[in-house]
All heavy atoms as atom14 arrays in JSON, in Angstrom:
{
  "sequence": "HNLNRQVAFYDAIGMLKAERLAKTMTEMGKISGAATKIRAITGKFTPE",
  "atom14_mask": [
    [1, 1, 1, 1, 1, 1, 1, 1, 1, 1, 0, 0, 0, 0],
    [1, 1, 1, 1, 1, 1, 1, 1, 0, 0, 0, 0, 0, 0],
    [1, 1, 1, 1, 1, 1, 1, 1, 0, 0, 0, 0, 0, 0],
    [1, 1, 1, 1, 1, 1, 1, 1, 0, 0, 0, 0, 0, 0],
    [1, 1, 1, 1, 1, 1, 1, 1, 1, 1, 1, 0, 0, 0],
    [1, 1, 1, 1, 1, 1, 1, 1, 1, 0, 0, 0, 0, 0],
    [1, 1, 1, 1, 1, 1, 1, 0, 0, 0, 0, 0, 0, 0],
    [1, 1, 1, 1, 1, 0, 0, 0, 0, 0, 0, 0, 0, 0],
    [1, 1, 1, 1, 1, 1, 1, 1, 1, 1, 1, 0, 0, 0],
    [1, 1, 1, 1, 1, 1, 1, 1, 1, 1, 1, 1, 0, 0],
    [1, 1, 1, 1, 1, 1, 1, 1, 0, 0, 0, 0, 0, 0],
    [1, 1, 1, 1, 1, 0, 0, 0, 0, 0, 0, 0, 0, 0],
    [1, 1, 1, 1, 1, 1, 1, 1, 0, 0, 0, 0, 0, 0],
    [1, 1, 1, 1, 0, 0, 0, 0, 0, 0, 0, 0, 0, 0],
    [1, 1, 1, 1, 1, 1, 1, 1, 0, 0, 0, 0, 0, 0],
    [1, 1, 1, 1, 1, 1, 1, 1, 0, 0, 0, 0, 0, 0],
    [1, 1, 1, 1, 1, 1, 1, 1, 1, 0, 0, 0, 0, 0],
    [1, 1, 1, 1, 1, 0, 0, 0, 0, 0, 0, 0, 0, 0],
    [1, 1, 1, 1, 1, 1, 1, 1, 1, 0, 0, 0, 0, 0],
    [1, 1, 1, 1, 1, 1, 1, 1, 1, 1, 1, 0, 0, 0],
    [1, 1, 1, 1, 1, 1, 1, 1, 0, 0, 0, 0, 0, 0],
    [1, 1, 1, 1, 1, 0, 0, 0, 0, 0, 0, 0, 0, 0],
    [1, 1, 1, 1, 1, 1, 1, 1, 1, 0, 0, 0, 0, 0],
    [1, 1, 1, 1, 1, 1, 1, 0, 0, 0, 0, 0, 0, 0],
    [1, 1, 1, 1, 1, 1, 1, 1, 0, 0, 0, 0, 0, 0],
    [1, 1, 1, 1, 1, 1, 1, 0, 0, 0, 0, 0, 0, 0],
    [1, 1, 1, 1, 1, 1, 1, 1, 1, 0, 0, 0, 0, 0],
    [1, 1, 1, 1, 1, 1, 1, 1, 0, 0, 0, 0, 0, 0],
    [1, 1, 1, 1, 0, 0, 0, 0, 0, 0, 0, 0, 0, 0],
    [1, 1, 1, 1, 1, 1, 1, 1, 1, 0, 0, 0, 0, 0],
    [1, 1, 1, 1, 1, 1, 1, 1, 0, 0, 0, 0, 0, 0],
    [1, 1, 1, 1, 1, 1, 0, 0, 0, 0, 0, 0, 0, 0],
    [1, 1, 1, 1, 0, 0, 0, 0, 0, 0, 0, 0, 0, 0],
    [1, 1, 1, 1, 1, 0, 0, 0, 0, 0, 0, 0, 0, 0],
    [1, 1, 1, 1, 1, 0, 0, 0, 0, 0, 0, 0, 0, 0],
    [1, 1, 1, 1, 1, 1, 1, 0, 0, 0, 0, 0, 0, 0],
    [1, 1, 1, 1, 1, 1, 1, 1, 1, 0, 0, 0, 0, 0],
    [1, 1, 1, 1, 1, 1, 1, 1, 0, 0, 0, 0, 0, 0],
    [1, 1, 1, 1, 1, 1, 1, 1, 1, 1, 1, 0, 0, 0],
    [1, 1, 1, 1, 1, 0, 0, 0, 0, 0, 0, 0, 0, 0],
    [1, 1, 1, 1, 1, 1, 1, 1, 0, 0, 0, 0, 0, 0],
    [1, 1, 1, 1, 1, 1, 1, 0, 0, 0, 0, 0, 0, 0],
    [1, 1, 1, 1, 0, 0, 0, 0, 0, 0, 0, 0, 0, 0],
    [1, 1, 1, 1, 1, 1, 1, 1, 1, 0, 0, 0, 0, 0],
    [1, 1, 1, 1, 1, 1, 1, 1, 1, 1, 1, 0, 0, 0],
    [1, 1, 1, 1, 1, 1, 1, 0, 0, 0, 0, 0, 0, 0],
    [1, 1, 1, 1, 1, 1, 1, 0, 0, 0, 0, 0, 0, 0],
    [1, 1, 1, 1, 1, 1, 1, 1, 1, 0, 0, 0, 0, 0]
  ],
  "atom14_positions": [
    [[-92.28, 74.07, -18.86], [-91.68, 74.14, -20.27], [-90.43, 73.37, -20.43], [-89.94, 73.23, -21.47], [-91.52, 75.64, -20.62], [-90.42, 76.31, -19.76], [-89.02, 76.18, -20.03], [-90.51, 77.08, -18.63], [-88.41, 76.89, -19.18], [-89.21, 77.41, -18.31], [0.0, 0.0, 0.0], [0.0, 0.0, 0.0], [0.0, 0.0, 0.0], [0.0, 0.0, 0.0]],
    [[-89.84, 72.87, -19.32], [-88.68, 72.04, -19.37], [-88.94, 70.6, -19.8], [-88.03, 69.92, -20.27], [-88.01, 71.89, -18.07], [-87.51, 73.26, -17.36], [-87.62, 73.52, -16.25], [-87.0, 74.1, -18.23], [0.0, 0.0, 0.0], [0.0, 0.0, 0.0], [0.0, 0.0, 0.0], [0.0, 0.0, 0.0], [0.0, 0.0, 0.0], [0.0, 0.0, 0.0]],
    [[-90.19, 70.17, -19.7], [-90.5, 68.81, -19.78], [-90.32, 68.17, -21.18], [-90.23, 67.01, -21.39], [-91.88, 68.47, -19.33], [-92.11, 68.86, -17.89], [-93.62, 68.47, -17.45], [-91.23, 68.24, -16.87], [0.0, 0.0, 0.0], [0.0, 0.0, 0.0], [0.0, 0.0, 0.0], [0.0, 0.0, 0.0], [0.0, 0.0, 0.0], [0.0, 0.0, 0.0]],
    [[-90.35, 69.04, -22.28], [-90.18, 68.43, -23.57], [-88.8, 67.94, -23.87], [-88.55, 67.26, -24.85], [-90.51, 69.55, -24.58], [-89.61, 70.67, -24.72], [-89.04, 71.12, -23.67], [-89.29, 71.14, -25.89], [0.0, 0.0, 0.0], [0.0, 0.0, 0.0], [0.0, 0.0, 0.0], [0.0, 0.0, 0.0], [0.0, 0.0, 0.0], [0.0, 0.0, 0.0]],
    [[-87.82, 68.32, -23.07], [-86.43, 67.91, -23.41], [-85.66, 67.41, -22.13], [-84.63, 66.8, -22.21], [-85.65, 69.07, -23.98], [-85.52, 70.23, -23.12], [-85.04, 71.51, -23.89], [-84.94, 72.66, -23.05], [-85.84, 73.38, -22.66], [-87.17, 73.18, -22.95], [-85.64, 74.5, -21.81], [0.0, 0.0, 0.0], [0.0, 0.0, 0.0], [0.0, 0.0, 0.0]],
    [[-86.23, 67.69, -20.9], [-85.55, 67.24, -19.69], [-86.31, 66.08, -19.1], [-87.11, 66.2, -18.22], [-85.42, 68.52, -18.7], [-84.63, 69.64, -19.3], [-84.53, 70.78, -18.39], [-84.64, 70.72, -17.2], [-84.14, 71.96, -18.99], [0.0, 0.0, 0.0], [0.0, 0.0, 0.0], [0.0, 0.0, 0.0], [0.0, 0.0, 0.0], [0.0, 0.0, 0.0]],
    [[-86.0, 64.94, -19.69], [-86.9, 63.79, -19.51], [-86.9, 63.17, -18.12], [-87.8, 62.45, -17.78], [-86.52, 62.69, -20.55], [-86.81, 63.23, -21.99], [-85.03, 62.25, -20.4], [0.0, 0.0, 0.0], [0.0, 0.0, 0.0], [0.0, 0.0, 0.0], [0.0, 0.0, 0.0], [0.0, 0.0, 0.0], [0.0, 0.0, 0.0], [0.0, 0.0, 0.0]],
    [[-85.85, 63.51, -17.29], [-85.84, 62.99, -16.0], [-86.85, 63.66, -15.06], [-87.07, 63.15, -13.95], [-84.46, 63.1, -15.43], [0.0, 0.0, 0.0], [0.0, 0.0, 0.0], [0.0, 0.0, 0.0], [0.0, 0.0, 0.0], [0.0, 0.0, 0.0], [0.0, 0.0, 0.0], [0.0, 0.0, 0.0], [0.0, 0.0, 0.0], [0.0, 0.0, 0.0]],
    [[-87.51, 64.72, -15.48], [-88.29, 65.47, -14.58], [-89.84, 65.43, -14.94], [-90.57, 66.38, -14.63], [-87.88, 67.03, -14.66], [-86.47, 67.16, -14.39], [-85.62, 68.08, -15.03], [-85.83, 66.48, -13.38], [-84.34, 68.33, -14.77], [-84.48, 66.61, -13.01], [-83.78, 67.57, -13.76], [0.0, 0.0, 0.0], [0.0, 0.0, 0.0], [0.0, 0.0, 0.0]],
    [[-90.28, 64.26, -15.46], [-91.61, 64.21, -16.01], [-92.6, 64.31, -14.87], [-93.71, 64.73, -14.99], [-91.88, 62.87, -16.71], [-91.64, 61.64, -15.82], [-92.71, 61.01, -15.1], [-90.29, 61.12, -15.64], [-92.42, 59.97, -14.33], [-90.07, 60.06, -14.82], [-91.11, 59.44, -14.21], [-90.85, 58.39, -13.4], [0.0, 0.0, 0.0], [0.0, 0.0, 0.0]],
    [[-92.24, 64.03, -13.6], [-93.11, 64.04, -12.48], [-92.51, 65.03, -11.38], [-92.83, 64.88, -10.18], [-93.29, 62.7, -11.86], [-91.99, 62.08, -11.39], [-90.84, 62.6, -11.69], [-91.95, 61.05, -10.7], [0.0, 0.0, 0.0], [0.0, 0.0, 0.0], [0.0, 0.0, 0.0], [0.0, 0.0, 0.0], [0.0, 0.0, 0.0], [0.0, 0.0, 0.0]],
    [[-91.81, 66.05, -11.8], [-91.02, 66.8, -10.79], [-91.17, 68.31, -10.9], [-90.28, 69.07, -10.42], [-89.56, 66.42, -10.83], [0.0, 0.0, 0.0], [0.0, 0.0, 0.0], [0.0, 0.0, 0.0], [0.0, 0.0, 0.0], [0.0, 0.0, 0.0], [0.0, 0.0, 0.0], [0.0, 0.0, 0.0], [0.0, 0.0, 0.0], [0.0, 0.0, 0.0]],
    [[-92.31, 68.75, -11.4], [-92.51, 70.2, -11.57], [-92.38, 70.85, -10.16], [-93.07, 70.39, -9.22], [-93.84, 70.54, -12.25], [-93.76, 70.1, -13.73], [-94.15, 72.01, -12.16], [-95.08, 70.24, -14.43], [0.0, 0.0, 0.0], [0.0, 0.0, 0.0], [0.0, 0.0, 0.0], [0.0, 0.0, 0.0], [0.0, 0.0, 0.0], [0.0, 0.0, 0.0]],
    [[-91.64, 71.93, -10.04], [-91.53, 72.58, -8.75], [-90.4, 72.11, -7.91], [-89.96, 72.75, -6.9], [0.0, 0.0, 0.0], [0.0, 0.0, 0.0], [0.0, 0.0, 0.0], [0.0, 0.0, 0.0], [0.0, 0.0, 0.0], [0.0, 0.0, 0.0], [0.0, 0.0, 0.0], [0.0, 0.0, 0.0], [0.0, 0.0, 0.0], [0.0, 0.0, 0.0]],
    [[-89.75, 70.96, -8.22], [-88.66, 70.45, -7.48], [-87.33, 71.05, -7.92], [-87.24, 71.5, -9.07], [-88.62, 68.87, -7.63], [-89.81, 68.17, -7.02], [-89.6, 66.39, -7.13], [-88.22, 66.08, -6.13], [0.0, 0.0, 0.0], [0.0, 0.0, 0.0], [0.0, 0.0, 0.0], [0.0, 0.0, 0.0], [0.0, 0.0, 0.0], [0.0, 0.0, 0.0]],
    [[-86.36, 70.99, -7.15], [-85.08, 71.49, -7.48], [-84.41, 70.42, -8.41], [-84.43, 69.19, -8.07], [-84.11, 71.58, -6.22], [-84.53, 72.85, -5.38], [-83.87, 72.71, -4.0], [-83.97, 74.15, -6.09], [0.0, 0.0, 0.0], [0.0, 0.0, 0.0], [0.0, 0.0, 0.0], [0.0, 0.0, 0.0], [0.0, 0.0, 0.0], [0.0, 0.0, 0.0]],
    [[-83.89, 70.83, -9.58], [-83.33, 69.95, -10.54], [-82.24, 69.02, -9.94], [-82.16, 67.85, -10.28], [-82.79, 70.69, -11.75], [-83.94, 71.36, -12.52], [-83.36, 72.08, -13.8], [-84.45, 72.76, -14.57], [-83.98, 73.45, -15.75], [0.0, 0.0, 0.0], [0.0, 0.0, 0.0], [0.0, 0.0, 0.0], [0.0, 0.0, 0.0], [0.0, 0.0, 0.0]],
    [[-81.27, 69.61, -9.25], [-80.21, 68.8, -8.76], [-80.66, 67.73, -7.84], [-80.16, 66.59, -7.92], [-79.2, 69.78, -8.02], [0.0, 0.0, 0.0], [0.0, 0.0, 0.0], [0.0, 0.0, 0.0], [0.0, 0.0, 0.0], [0.0, 0.0, 0.0], [0.0, 0.0, 0.0], [0.0, 0.0, 0.0], [0.0, 0.0, 0.0], [0.0, 0.0, 0.0]],
    [[-81.63, 68.04, -6.99], [-82.1, 66.99, -6.01], [-82.88, 65.94, -6.81], [-82.74, 64.72, -6.49], [-83.02, 67.65, -5.02], [-82.25, 68.59, -4.02], [-83.14, 69.2, -2.94], [-84.42, 69.05, -3.08], [-82.57, 69.76, -1.9], [0.0, 0.0, 0.0], [0.0, 0.0, 0.0], [0.0, 0.0, 0.0], [0.0, 0.0, 0.0], [0.0, 0.0, 0.0]],
    [[-83.68, 66.28, -7.76], [-84.43, 65.33, -8.48], [-83.58, 64.42, -9.36], [-83.74, 63.16, -9.44], [-85.56, 66.01, -9.39], [-86.43, 64.97, -10.08], [-87.17, 64.2, -8.98], [-88.11, 63.15, -9.65], [-87.67, 61.93, -9.88], [-86.46, 61.59, -9.62], [-88.55, 61.13, -10.43], [0.0, 0.0, 0.0], [0.0, 0.0, 0.0], [0.0, 0.0, 0.0]],
    [[-82.52, 65.02, -10.07], [-81.65, 64.23, -10.81], [-80.84, 63.31, -9.95], [-80.59, 62.13, -10.31], [-80.76, 65.14, -11.68], [-79.8, 64.38, -12.61], [-80.6, 63.53, -13.66], [-78.97, 65.42, -13.41], [0.0, 0.0, 0.0], [0.0, 0.0, 0.0], [0.0, 0.0, 0.0], [0.0, 0.0, 0.0], [0.0, 0.0, 0.0], [0.0, 0.0, 0.0]],
    [[-80.35, 63.82, -8.82], [-79.58, 62.96, -7.91], [-80.38, 61.81, -7.42], [-79.88, 60.66, -7.28], [-79.08, 63.85, -6.72], [0.0, 0.0, 0.0], [0.0, 0.0, 0.0], [0.0, 0.0, 0.0], [0.0, 0.0, 0.0], [0.0, 0.0, 0.0], [0.0, 0.0, 0.0], [0.0, 0.0, 0.0], [0.0, 0.0, 0.0], [0.0, 0.0, 0.0]],
    [[-81.67, 62.01, -7.13], [-82.57, 60.94, -6.76], [-82.66, 59.89, -7.86], [-82.6, 58.64, -7.56], [-83.91, 61.44, -6.38], [-84.86, 60.39, -5.9], [-86.26, 61.0, -5.56], [-87.24, 59.92, -5.14], [-88.61, 60.43, -4.93], [0.0, 0.0, 0.0], [0.0, 0.0, 0.0], [0.0, 0.0, 0.0], [0.0, 0.0, 0.0], [0.0, 0.0, 0.0]],
    [[-82.89, 60.29, -9.06], [-82.97, 59.43, -10.16], [-81.71, 58.59, -10.34], [-81.72, 57.35, -10.51], [-83.23, 60.12, -11.49], [-84.53, 60.78, -11.37], [-83.31, 59.22, -12.67], [0.0, 0.0, 0.0], [0.0, 0.0, 0.0], [0.0, 0.0, 0.0], [0.0, 0.0, 0.0], [0.0, 0.0, 0.0], [0.0, 0.0, 0.0], [0.0, 0.0, 0.0]],
    [[-80.57, 59.22, -10.27], [-79.33, 58.59, -10.42], [-79.05, 57.57, -9.28], [-78.52, 56.46, -9.53], [-78.13, 59.61, -10.5], [-78.18, 60.52, -11.7], [-77.13, 62.02, -11.56], [-75.53, 61.2, -11.39], [0.0, 0.0, 0.0], [0.0, 0.0, 0.0], [0.0, 0.0, 0.0], [0.0, 0.0, 0.0], [0.0, 0.0, 0.0], [0.0, 0.0, 0.0]],
    [[-79.44, 57.95, -8.12], [-79.3, 57.01, -6.93], [-80.09, 55.71, -7.15], [-79.65, 54.61, -6.96], [-79.68, 57.66, -5.66], [-78.87, 58.84, -5.43], [-79.57, 56.72, -4.49], [0.0, 0.0, 0.0], [0.0, 0.0, 0.0], [0.0, 0.0, 0.0], [0.0, 0.0, 0.0], [0.0, 0.0, 0.0], [0.0, 0.0, 0.0], [0.0, 0.0, 0.0]],
    [[-81.36, 55.95, -7.57], [-82.28, 54.83, -7.9], [-81.67, 53.88, -9.01], [-81.75, 52.65, -8.85], [-83.62, 55.28, -8.3], [-84.34, 55.91, -7.07], [-85.6, 56.65, -7.46], [-85.86, 56.77, -8.77], [-86.42, 57.03, -6.61], [0.0, 0.0, 0.0], [0.0, 0.0, 0.0], [0.0, 0.0, 0.0], [0.0, 0.0, 0.0], [0.0, 0.0, 0.0]],
    [[-81.09, 54.51, -10.02], [-80.55, 53.75, -11.11], [-79.3, 52.95, -10.61], [-79.05, 51.88, -11.04], [-80.09, 54.66, -12.26], [-81.3, 55.32, -13.0], [-80.74, 56.37, -14.39], [-80.03, 55.11, -15.47], [0.0, 0.0, 0.0], [0.0, 0.0, 0.0], [0.0, 0.0, 0.0], [0.0, 0.0, 0.0], [0.0, 0.0, 0.0], [0.0, 0.0, 0.0]],
    [[-78.5, 53.59, -9.71], [-77.38, 52.92, -9.14], [-77.73, 51.65, -8.41], [-77.02, 50.68, -8.44], [0.0, 0.0, 0.0], [0.0, 0.0, 0.0], [0.0, 0.0, 0.0], [0.0, 0.0, 0.0], [0.0, 0.0, 0.0], [0.0, 0.0, 0.0], [0.0, 0.0, 0.0], [0.0, 0.0, 0.0], [0.0, 0.0, 0.0], [0.0, 0.0, 0.0]],
    [[-78.76, 51.78, -7.62], [-79.26, 50.67, -6.92], [-79.64, 49.47, -7.79], [-79.41, 48.25, -7.47], [-80.47, 50.97, -6.0], [-80.1, 51.99, -4.85], [-81.33, 52.37, -4.07], [-81.01, 53.27, -2.94], [-82.25, 53.71, -2.18], [0.0, 0.0, 0.0], [0.0, 0.0, 0.0], [0.0, 0.0, 0.0], [0.0, 0.0, 0.0], [0.0, 0.0, 0.0]],
    [[-80.29, 49.76, -8.93], [-80.72, 48.73, -9.79], [-79.44, 48.06, -10.53], [-79.44, 46.83, -10.63], [-81.64, 49.28, -10.89], [-82.88, 49.78, -10.22], [-81.93, 48.27, -11.95], [-83.88, 50.53, -11.13], [0.0, 0.0, 0.0], [0.0, 0.0, 0.0], [0.0, 0.0, 0.0], [0.0, 0.0, 0.0], [0.0, 0.0, 0.0], [0.0, 0.0, 0.0]],
    [[-78.48, 48.92, -10.89], [-77.35, 48.38, -11.66], [-76.23, 47.81, -10.68], [-75.32, 47.17, -11.2], [-76.75, 49.49, -12.57], [-76.26, 50.54, -11.71], [0.0, 0.0, 0.0], [0.0, 0.0, 0.0], [0.0, 0.0, 0.0], [0.0, 0.0, 0.0], [0.0, 0.0, 0.0], [0.0, 0.0, 0.0], [0.0, 0.0, 0.0], [0.0, 0.0, 0.0]],
    [[-76.37, 48.11, -9.43], [-75.3, 47.63, -8.49], [-74.14, 48.6, -8.36], [-73.15, 48.28, -7.68], [0.0, 0.0, 0.0], [0.0, 0.0, 0.0], [0.0, 0.0, 0.0], [0.0, 0.0, 0.0], [0.0, 0.0, 0.0], [0.0, 0.0, 0.0], [0.0, 0.0, 0.0], [0.0, 0.0, 0.0], [0.0, 0.0, 0.0], [0.0, 0.0, 0.0]],
    [[-74.27, 49.83, -8.92], [-73.16, 50.81, -8.73], [-73.17, 51.29, -7.32], [-74.17, 51.63, -6.72], [-73.41, 52.0, -9.75], [0.0, 0.0, 0.0], [0.0, 0.0, 0.0], [0.0, 0.0, 0.0], [0.0, 0.0, 0.0], [0.0, 0.0, 0.0], [0.0, 0.0, 0.0], [0.0, 0.0, 0.0], [0.0, 0.0, 0.0], [0.0, 0.0, 0.0]],
    [[-71.94, 51.46, -6.77], [-71.81, 51.89, -5.4], [-71.51, 53.39, -5.31], [-71.04, 53.82, -4.33], [-70.64, 51.08, -4.7], [0.0, 0.0, 0.0], [0.0, 0.0, 0.0], [0.0, 0.0, 0.0], [0.0, 0.0, 0.0], [0.0, 0.0, 0.0], [0.0, 0.0, 0.0], [0.0, 0.0, 0.0], [0.0, 0.0, 0.0], [0.0, 0.0, 0.0]],
    [[-71.92, 54.08, -6.35], [-71.6, 55.54, -6.45], [-72.42, 56.32, -5.46], [-73.7, 56.08, -5.38], [-71.91, 56.01, -7.85], [-71.2, 55.32, -8.75], [-71.51, 57.51, -8.01], [0.0, 0.0, 0.0], [0.0, 0.0, 0.0], [0.0, 0.0, 0.0], [0.0, 0.0, 0.0], [0.0, 0.0, 0.0], [0.0, 0.0, 0.0], [0.0, 0.0, 0.0]],
    [[-71.84, 57.16, -4.7], [-72.59, 58.12, -3.83], [-72.94, 59.43, -4.65], [-72.1, 60.0, -5.33], [-71.68, 58.52, -2.67], [-72.43, 59.44, -1.63], [-71.52, 59.78, -0.41], [-72.22, 60.69, 0.53], [-71.42, 61.03, 1.68], [0.0, 0.0, 0.0], [0.0, 0.0, 0.0], [0.0, 0.0, 0.0], [0.0, 0.0, 0.0], [0.0, 0.0, 0.0]],
    [[-74.19, 59.75, -4.53], [-74.67, 60.91, -5.3], [-75.13, 61.99, -4.28], [-75.88, 61.72, -3.44], [-75.88, 60.57, -6.25], [-75.63, 59.27, -6.96], [-76.14, 61.75, -7.1], [-74.54, 59.41, -7.99], [0.0, 0.0, 0.0], [0.0, 0.0, 0.0], [0.0, 0.0, 0.0], [0.0, 0.0, 0.0], [0.0, 0.0, 0.0], [0.0, 0.0, 0.0]],
    [[-74.53, 63.2, -4.49], [-74.91, 64.36, -3.69], [-75.47, 65.44, -4.53], [-74.92, 65.78, -5.64], [-73.73, 64.83, -2.85], [-73.12, 63.77, -2.01], [-72.09, 64.33, -1.03], [-70.99, 65.05, -1.66], [-69.85, 65.48, -1.11], [-69.71, 65.23, 0.23], [-68.94, 66.08, -1.74], [0.0, 0.0, 0.0], [0.0, 0.0, 0.0], [0.0, 0.0, 0.0]],
    [[-76.52, 66.15, -4.09], [-77.09, 67.31, -4.79], [-76.62, 68.6, -4.14], [-76.73, 68.69, -2.84], [-78.55, 67.23, -4.71], [0.0, 0.0, 0.0], [0.0, 0.0, 0.0], [0.0, 0.0, 0.0], [0.0, 0.0, 0.0], [0.0, 0.0, 0.0], [0.0, 0.0, 0.0], [0.0, 0.0, 0.0], [0.0, 0.0, 0.0], [0.0, 0.0, 0.0]],
    [[-76.16, 69.51, -4.89], [-75.73, 70.76, -4.45], [-76.63, 71.83, -5.09], [-76.5, 72.0, -6.3], [-74.2, 71.07, -4.73], [-73.36, 69.98, -4.01], [-73.82, 72.47, -4.24], [-71.91, 70.1, -4.34], [0.0, 0.0, 0.0], [0.0, 0.0, 0.0], [0.0, 0.0, 0.0], [0.0, 0.0, 0.0], [0.0, 0.0, 0.0], [0.0, 0.0, 0.0]],
    [[-77.48, 72.45, -4.36], [-78.52, 73.33, -4.97], [-78.16, 74.77, -4.92], [-78.88, 75.59, -4.28], [-79.87, 73.05, -4.23], [-79.71, 73.32, -2.86], [-80.31, 71.66, -4.47], [0.0, 0.0, 0.0], [0.0, 0.0, 0.0], [0.0, 0.0, 0.0], [0.0, 0.0, 0.0], [0.0, 0.0, 0.0], [0.0, 0.0, 0.0], [0.0, 0.0, 0.0]],
    [[-77.09, 75.1, -5.53], [-76.67, 76.51, -5.63], [-76.05, 76.78, -6.96], [-75.83, 75.91, -7.8], [0.0, 0.0, 0.0], [0.0, 0.0, 0.0], [0.0, 0.0, 0.0], [0.0, 0.0, 0.0], [0.0, 0.0, 0.0], [0.0, 0.0, 0.0], [0.0, 0.0, 0.0], [0.0, 0.0, 0.0], [0.0, 0.0, 0.0], [0.0, 0.0, 0.0]],
    [[-75.93, 78.08, -7.21], [-75.43, 78.46, -8.61], [-73.95, 78.43, -8.52], [-73.29, 78.84, -7.54], [-75.84, 79.92, -8.84], [-75.34, 80.47, -10.22], [-75.89, 81.83, -10.54], [-77.29, 81.82, -10.89], [-77.83, 83.11, -11.35], [0.0, 0.0, 0.0], [0.0, 0.0, 0.0], [0.0, 0.0, 0.0], [0.0, 0.0, 0.0], [0.0, 0.0, 0.0]],
    [[-73.34, 77.91, -9.58], [-71.84, 77.85, -9.59], [-71.27, 79.2, -9.8], [-71.69, 79.9, -10.69], [-71.36, 76.88, -10.76], [-69.85, 76.77, -10.84], [-69.19, 75.89, -10.04], [-69.2, 77.63, -11.65], [-67.86, 75.83, -10.04], [-67.77, 77.58, -11.71], [-67.12, 76.65, -10.94], [0.0, 0.0, 0.0], [0.0, 0.0, 0.0], [0.0, 0.0, 0.0]],
    [[-70.31, 79.55, -8.98], [-69.57, 80.8, -9.08], [-68.09, 80.5, -8.92], [-67.69, 79.38, -8.52], [-69.99, 81.79, -7.97], [-69.54, 81.33, -6.68], [-71.54, 81.91, -7.95], [0.0, 0.0, 0.0], [0.0, 0.0, 0.0], [0.0, 0.0, 0.0], [0.0, 0.0, 0.0], [0.0, 0.0, 0.0], [0.0, 0.0, 0.0], [0.0, 0.0, 0.0]],
    [[-67.19, 81.52, -9.3], [-65.74, 81.25, -9.08], [-65.38, 80.99, -7.62], [-64.32, 80.45, -7.32], [-65.15, 82.55, -9.53], [-66.14, 83.15, -10.51], [-67.45, 82.76, -9.95], [0.0, 0.0, 0.0], [0.0, 0.0, 0.0], [0.0, 0.0, 0.0], [0.0, 0.0, 0.0], [0.0, 0.0, 0.0], [0.0, 0.0, 0.0], [0.0, 0.0, 0.0]],
    [[-66.24, 81.28, -6.67], [-65.94, 81.08, -5.25], [-66.51, 79.75, -4.81], [-66.52, 79.48, -3.57], [-66.66, 82.18, -4.38], [-66.01, 83.59, -4.54], [-66.35, 84.22, -5.87], [-67.5, 84.09, -6.35], [-65.47, 84.82, -6.51], [0.0, 0.0, 0.0], [0.0, 0.0, 0.0], [0.0, 0.0, 0.0], [0.0, 0.0, 0.0], [0.0, 0.0, 0.0]]
  ]
}
């Protein structure tokens, strides 16, 4: 049900969103020449 608006995940049902988005961003960086390091953190944000 995410696929109608979360367009980066068209082929990623069942995958962790952070990991899949980080992968997409890394691939885009390689194409554009950006030297950005992308890390996925697969946990819920809390005050701690």
